[in-house]
N, C-alpha and C. Protein backbone atom coordinates (compact mmCIF):
# COMPACT_ATOMS: atom_id res chain seq x y z
N MET A 1 -9.05 16.76 -1.56
CA MET A 1 -7.85 15.97 -1.28
C MET A 1 -7.83 15.65 0.23
N PRO A 2 -7.59 14.39 0.58
CA PRO A 2 -7.60 14.01 2.00
C PRO A 2 -6.43 14.61 2.77
N THR A 3 -6.66 14.85 4.05
CA THR A 3 -5.58 15.35 4.92
C THR A 3 -4.74 14.17 5.40
N ILE A 4 -3.58 14.46 5.93
CA ILE A 4 -2.72 13.40 6.45
C ILE A 4 -3.41 12.67 7.61
N GLU A 5 -4.22 13.40 8.39
CA GLU A 5 -4.94 12.77 9.50
C GLU A 5 -5.96 11.75 8.99
N GLU A 6 -6.65 12.09 7.89
CA GLU A 6 -7.62 11.16 7.30
C GLU A 6 -6.91 9.92 6.76
N VAL A 7 -5.80 10.13 6.08
CA VAL A 7 -5.04 8.99 5.52
C VAL A 7 -4.53 8.10 6.66
N LYS A 8 -4.04 8.72 7.72
CA LYS A 8 -3.54 7.96 8.87
C LYS A 8 -4.66 7.14 9.50
N ARG A 9 -5.83 7.73 9.66
CA ARG A 9 -6.97 7.03 10.26
C ARG A 9 -7.35 5.80 9.43
N VAL A 10 -7.45 5.97 8.11
CA VAL A 10 -7.84 4.86 7.23
C VAL A 10 -6.75 3.79 7.22
N LYS A 11 -5.48 4.21 7.20
CA LYS A 11 -4.38 3.24 7.22
C LYS A 11 -4.43 2.42 8.50
N GLU A 12 -4.58 3.08 9.64
CA GLU A 12 -4.61 2.36 10.91
C GLU A 12 -5.80 1.40 10.98
N LYS A 13 -6.92 1.80 10.41
CA LYS A 13 -8.13 0.97 10.43
C LYS A 13 -7.95 -0.30 9.60
N HIS A 14 -7.22 -0.20 8.49
CA HIS A 14 -7.10 -1.32 7.54
C HIS A 14 -5.72 -1.98 7.52
N GLU A 15 -4.79 -1.50 8.35
CA GLU A 15 -3.41 -1.99 8.28
C GLU A 15 -3.30 -3.50 8.53
N GLN A 16 -3.99 -4.03 9.52
CA GLN A 16 -3.88 -5.46 9.81
C GLN A 16 -4.39 -6.29 8.64
N GLU A 17 -5.49 -5.84 8.05
CA GLU A 17 -6.04 -6.53 6.87
C GLU A 17 -5.03 -6.53 5.72
N LEU A 18 -4.36 -5.41 5.50
CA LEU A 18 -3.35 -5.31 4.44
C LEU A 18 -2.14 -6.20 4.75
N MET A 19 -1.71 -6.18 6.02
CA MET A 19 -0.54 -6.97 6.42
C MET A 19 -0.80 -8.47 6.31
N ASN A 20 -2.06 -8.88 6.36
CA ASN A 20 -2.41 -10.30 6.23
C ASN A 20 -2.38 -10.78 4.78
N LYS A 21 -2.24 -9.87 3.83
CA LYS A 21 -2.17 -10.26 2.42
C LYS A 21 -0.79 -10.86 2.14
N ASN A 22 -0.76 -11.94 1.39
CA ASN A 22 0.48 -12.62 1.08
C ASN A 22 1.46 -11.69 0.37
N GLY A 23 2.67 -11.59 0.89
CA GLY A 23 3.71 -10.79 0.25
C GLY A 23 3.86 -9.38 0.79
N VAL A 24 2.88 -8.89 1.59
CA VAL A 24 2.98 -7.53 2.12
C VAL A 24 3.95 -7.54 3.30
N ALA A 25 4.97 -6.66 3.23
CA ALA A 25 6.01 -6.60 4.26
C ALA A 25 5.81 -5.42 5.20
N GLY A 26 5.03 -4.41 4.78
CA GLY A 26 4.81 -3.24 5.63
C GLY A 26 3.88 -2.25 4.97
N CYS A 27 3.41 -1.28 5.78
CA CYS A 27 2.52 -0.23 5.29
C CYS A 27 2.96 1.10 5.88
N SER A 28 2.78 2.17 5.13
CA SER A 28 3.10 3.51 5.62
C SER A 28 2.22 4.51 4.88
N ILE A 29 2.47 5.77 5.15
CA ILE A 29 1.79 6.86 4.45
C ILE A 29 2.85 7.57 3.61
N GLY A 30 2.51 7.89 2.38
CA GLY A 30 3.45 8.61 1.53
C GLY A 30 2.74 9.16 0.32
N TYR A 31 3.49 9.74 -0.58
CA TYR A 31 2.92 10.27 -1.81
C TYR A 31 2.95 9.19 -2.88
N LYS A 32 1.84 9.04 -3.56
CA LYS A 32 1.71 8.03 -4.61
C LYS A 32 2.69 8.33 -5.74
N GLU A 33 3.32 7.29 -6.24
CA GLU A 33 4.20 7.42 -7.39
C GLU A 33 3.55 6.75 -8.59
N ILE A 34 3.64 7.41 -9.72
CA ILE A 34 3.13 6.86 -10.98
C ILE A 34 4.25 6.93 -12.00
N ASP A 35 4.60 5.79 -12.57
CA ASP A 35 5.71 5.70 -13.54
C ASP A 35 7.00 6.30 -12.98
N GLY A 36 7.24 6.04 -11.69
CA GLY A 36 8.48 6.50 -11.05
C GLY A 36 8.50 7.96 -10.67
N LYS A 37 7.39 8.66 -10.87
CA LYS A 37 7.33 10.09 -10.53
C LYS A 37 6.37 10.30 -9.36
N ARG A 38 6.82 11.05 -8.38
CA ARG A 38 6.00 11.35 -7.21
C ARG A 38 4.89 12.32 -7.59
N THR A 39 3.67 11.99 -7.11
CA THR A 39 2.53 12.89 -7.31
C THR A 39 2.31 13.68 -6.03
N ASP A 40 1.29 14.53 -6.02
CA ASP A 40 0.96 15.27 -4.80
C ASP A 40 -0.17 14.59 -4.03
N LYS A 41 -0.49 13.32 -4.37
CA LYS A 41 -1.57 12.59 -3.72
C LYS A 41 -1.05 11.76 -2.56
N LEU A 42 -1.54 12.06 -1.35
CA LEU A 42 -1.20 11.22 -0.20
C LEU A 42 -1.85 9.86 -0.40
N SER A 43 -1.16 8.81 0.02
CA SER A 43 -1.67 7.46 -0.18
C SER A 43 -1.22 6.54 0.93
N ILE A 44 -1.86 5.39 0.98
CA ILE A 44 -1.41 4.30 1.85
C ILE A 44 -0.43 3.49 1.01
N VAL A 45 0.82 3.45 1.45
CA VAL A 45 1.86 2.74 0.71
C VAL A 45 2.00 1.33 1.28
N CYS A 46 1.88 0.34 0.42
CA CYS A 46 2.05 -1.06 0.81
C CYS A 46 3.35 -1.56 0.20
N TYR A 47 4.27 -1.99 1.07
CA TYR A 47 5.54 -2.53 0.61
C TYR A 47 5.39 -4.04 0.45
N VAL A 48 5.75 -4.53 -0.72
CA VAL A 48 5.64 -5.96 -1.00
C VAL A 48 7.02 -6.53 -1.32
N LYS A 49 7.17 -7.81 -1.02
CA LYS A 49 8.45 -8.49 -1.29
C LYS A 49 8.73 -8.52 -2.78
N GLU A 50 7.68 -8.79 -3.55
CA GLU A 50 7.80 -8.86 -5.01
C GLU A 50 6.50 -8.38 -5.63
N LYS A 51 6.58 -7.41 -6.52
CA LYS A 51 5.39 -6.90 -7.19
C LYS A 51 4.93 -7.90 -8.25
N LYS A 52 3.63 -8.21 -8.23
CA LYS A 52 3.07 -9.18 -9.17
C LYS A 52 1.83 -8.59 -9.82
N THR A 53 1.49 -9.11 -10.98
CA THR A 53 0.24 -8.68 -11.63
C THR A 53 -0.94 -9.32 -10.90
N GLU A 54 -2.11 -8.71 -11.04
CA GLU A 54 -3.31 -9.26 -10.40
C GLU A 54 -3.58 -10.69 -10.83
N GLU A 55 -3.25 -11.03 -12.08
CA GLU A 55 -3.47 -12.37 -12.59
C GLU A 55 -2.66 -13.41 -11.82
N ASN A 56 -1.54 -12.98 -11.23
CA ASN A 56 -0.66 -13.90 -10.51
C ASN A 56 -0.88 -13.88 -9.00
N LEU A 57 -1.99 -13.27 -8.57
CA LEU A 57 -2.32 -13.21 -7.15
C LEU A 57 -3.67 -13.86 -6.90
N LYS A 58 -3.84 -14.40 -5.70
CA LYS A 58 -5.16 -14.85 -5.29
C LYS A 58 -6.00 -13.60 -5.03
N ARG A 59 -7.29 -13.72 -5.25
CA ARG A 59 -8.19 -12.58 -5.09
C ARG A 59 -8.03 -11.91 -3.72
N LYS A 60 -7.87 -12.72 -2.67
CA LYS A 60 -7.77 -12.19 -1.30
C LYS A 60 -6.46 -11.42 -1.07
N ASP A 61 -5.47 -11.60 -1.94
CA ASP A 61 -4.17 -10.95 -1.77
C ASP A 61 -4.00 -9.69 -2.62
N ILE A 62 -5.02 -9.33 -3.39
CA ILE A 62 -4.93 -8.12 -4.22
C ILE A 62 -5.15 -6.89 -3.36
N ILE A 63 -4.27 -5.92 -3.48
CA ILE A 63 -4.41 -4.65 -2.77
C ILE A 63 -5.27 -3.75 -3.64
N PRO A 64 -6.39 -3.25 -3.08
CA PRO A 64 -7.28 -2.41 -3.89
C PRO A 64 -6.60 -1.10 -4.27
N GLY A 65 -7.06 -0.50 -5.36
CA GLY A 65 -6.51 0.77 -5.83
C GLY A 65 -6.77 1.93 -4.88
N GLU A 66 -7.82 1.78 -4.07
CA GLU A 66 -8.09 2.77 -3.03
C GLU A 66 -8.89 2.11 -1.92
N ILE A 67 -8.78 2.70 -0.74
CA ILE A 67 -9.50 2.22 0.44
C ILE A 67 -10.20 3.43 1.06
N GLU A 68 -11.51 3.38 1.14
CA GLU A 68 -12.31 4.49 1.68
C GLU A 68 -11.95 5.81 0.99
N GLY A 69 -11.72 5.74 -0.31
CA GLY A 69 -11.40 6.94 -1.08
C GLY A 69 -9.95 7.38 -1.02
N ILE A 70 -9.13 6.67 -0.25
CA ILE A 70 -7.70 7.00 -0.14
C ILE A 70 -6.95 6.11 -1.13
N PRO A 71 -6.14 6.70 -2.03
CA PRO A 71 -5.39 5.88 -2.97
C PRO A 71 -4.36 5.00 -2.26
N THR A 72 -4.06 3.86 -2.87
CA THR A 72 -2.98 3.01 -2.37
C THR A 72 -1.84 3.02 -3.40
N ASP A 73 -0.66 2.70 -2.92
CA ASP A 73 0.50 2.60 -3.79
C ASP A 73 1.23 1.33 -3.39
N VAL A 74 1.59 0.50 -4.34
CA VAL A 74 2.30 -0.75 -4.07
C VAL A 74 3.75 -0.56 -4.51
N VAL A 75 4.66 -0.74 -3.56
CA VAL A 75 6.09 -0.54 -3.81
C VAL A 75 6.84 -1.82 -3.52
N GLU A 76 7.63 -2.28 -4.48
CA GLU A 76 8.44 -3.48 -4.26
C GLU A 76 9.64 -3.12 -3.40
N SER A 77 9.76 -3.79 -2.26
CA SER A 77 10.82 -3.46 -1.32
C SER A 77 11.74 -4.62 -1.03
N GLY A 78 11.37 -5.81 -1.47
CA GLY A 78 12.09 -7.00 -1.02
C GLY A 78 11.64 -7.31 0.38
N GLU A 79 12.38 -8.14 1.07
CA GLU A 79 12.01 -8.54 2.43
C GLU A 79 12.74 -7.67 3.44
N PHE A 80 12.01 -7.19 4.46
CA PHE A 80 12.63 -6.42 5.53
C PHE A 80 13.30 -7.36 6.50
N LYS A 81 14.48 -6.96 6.98
CA LYS A 81 15.19 -7.78 7.97
C LYS A 81 15.61 -6.87 9.12
N ALA A 82 15.38 -7.35 10.35
CA ALA A 82 15.81 -6.60 11.53
C ALA A 82 17.32 -6.67 11.64
N LEU A 83 17.93 -5.57 12.03
CA LEU A 83 19.38 -5.54 12.18
C LEU A 83 19.77 -5.69 13.63
């Protein structure tokens, strides 16, 4: 199981690439959720304005299931607004 330092390193390395994908509003580190239940797997969390199926995305905008062996999690957040 990867350490938080490993997950942070991979996230920082790939964050700009992830942020350039259409619909991605932010990235963080957190525990992967499956069917609404938190797991014990650290992951790179990608917040998207609207969650879509792969069929409804361009190939370049698909977030991979893992990056360098670190799982990803896609969470629908809506759009972030500065206050």
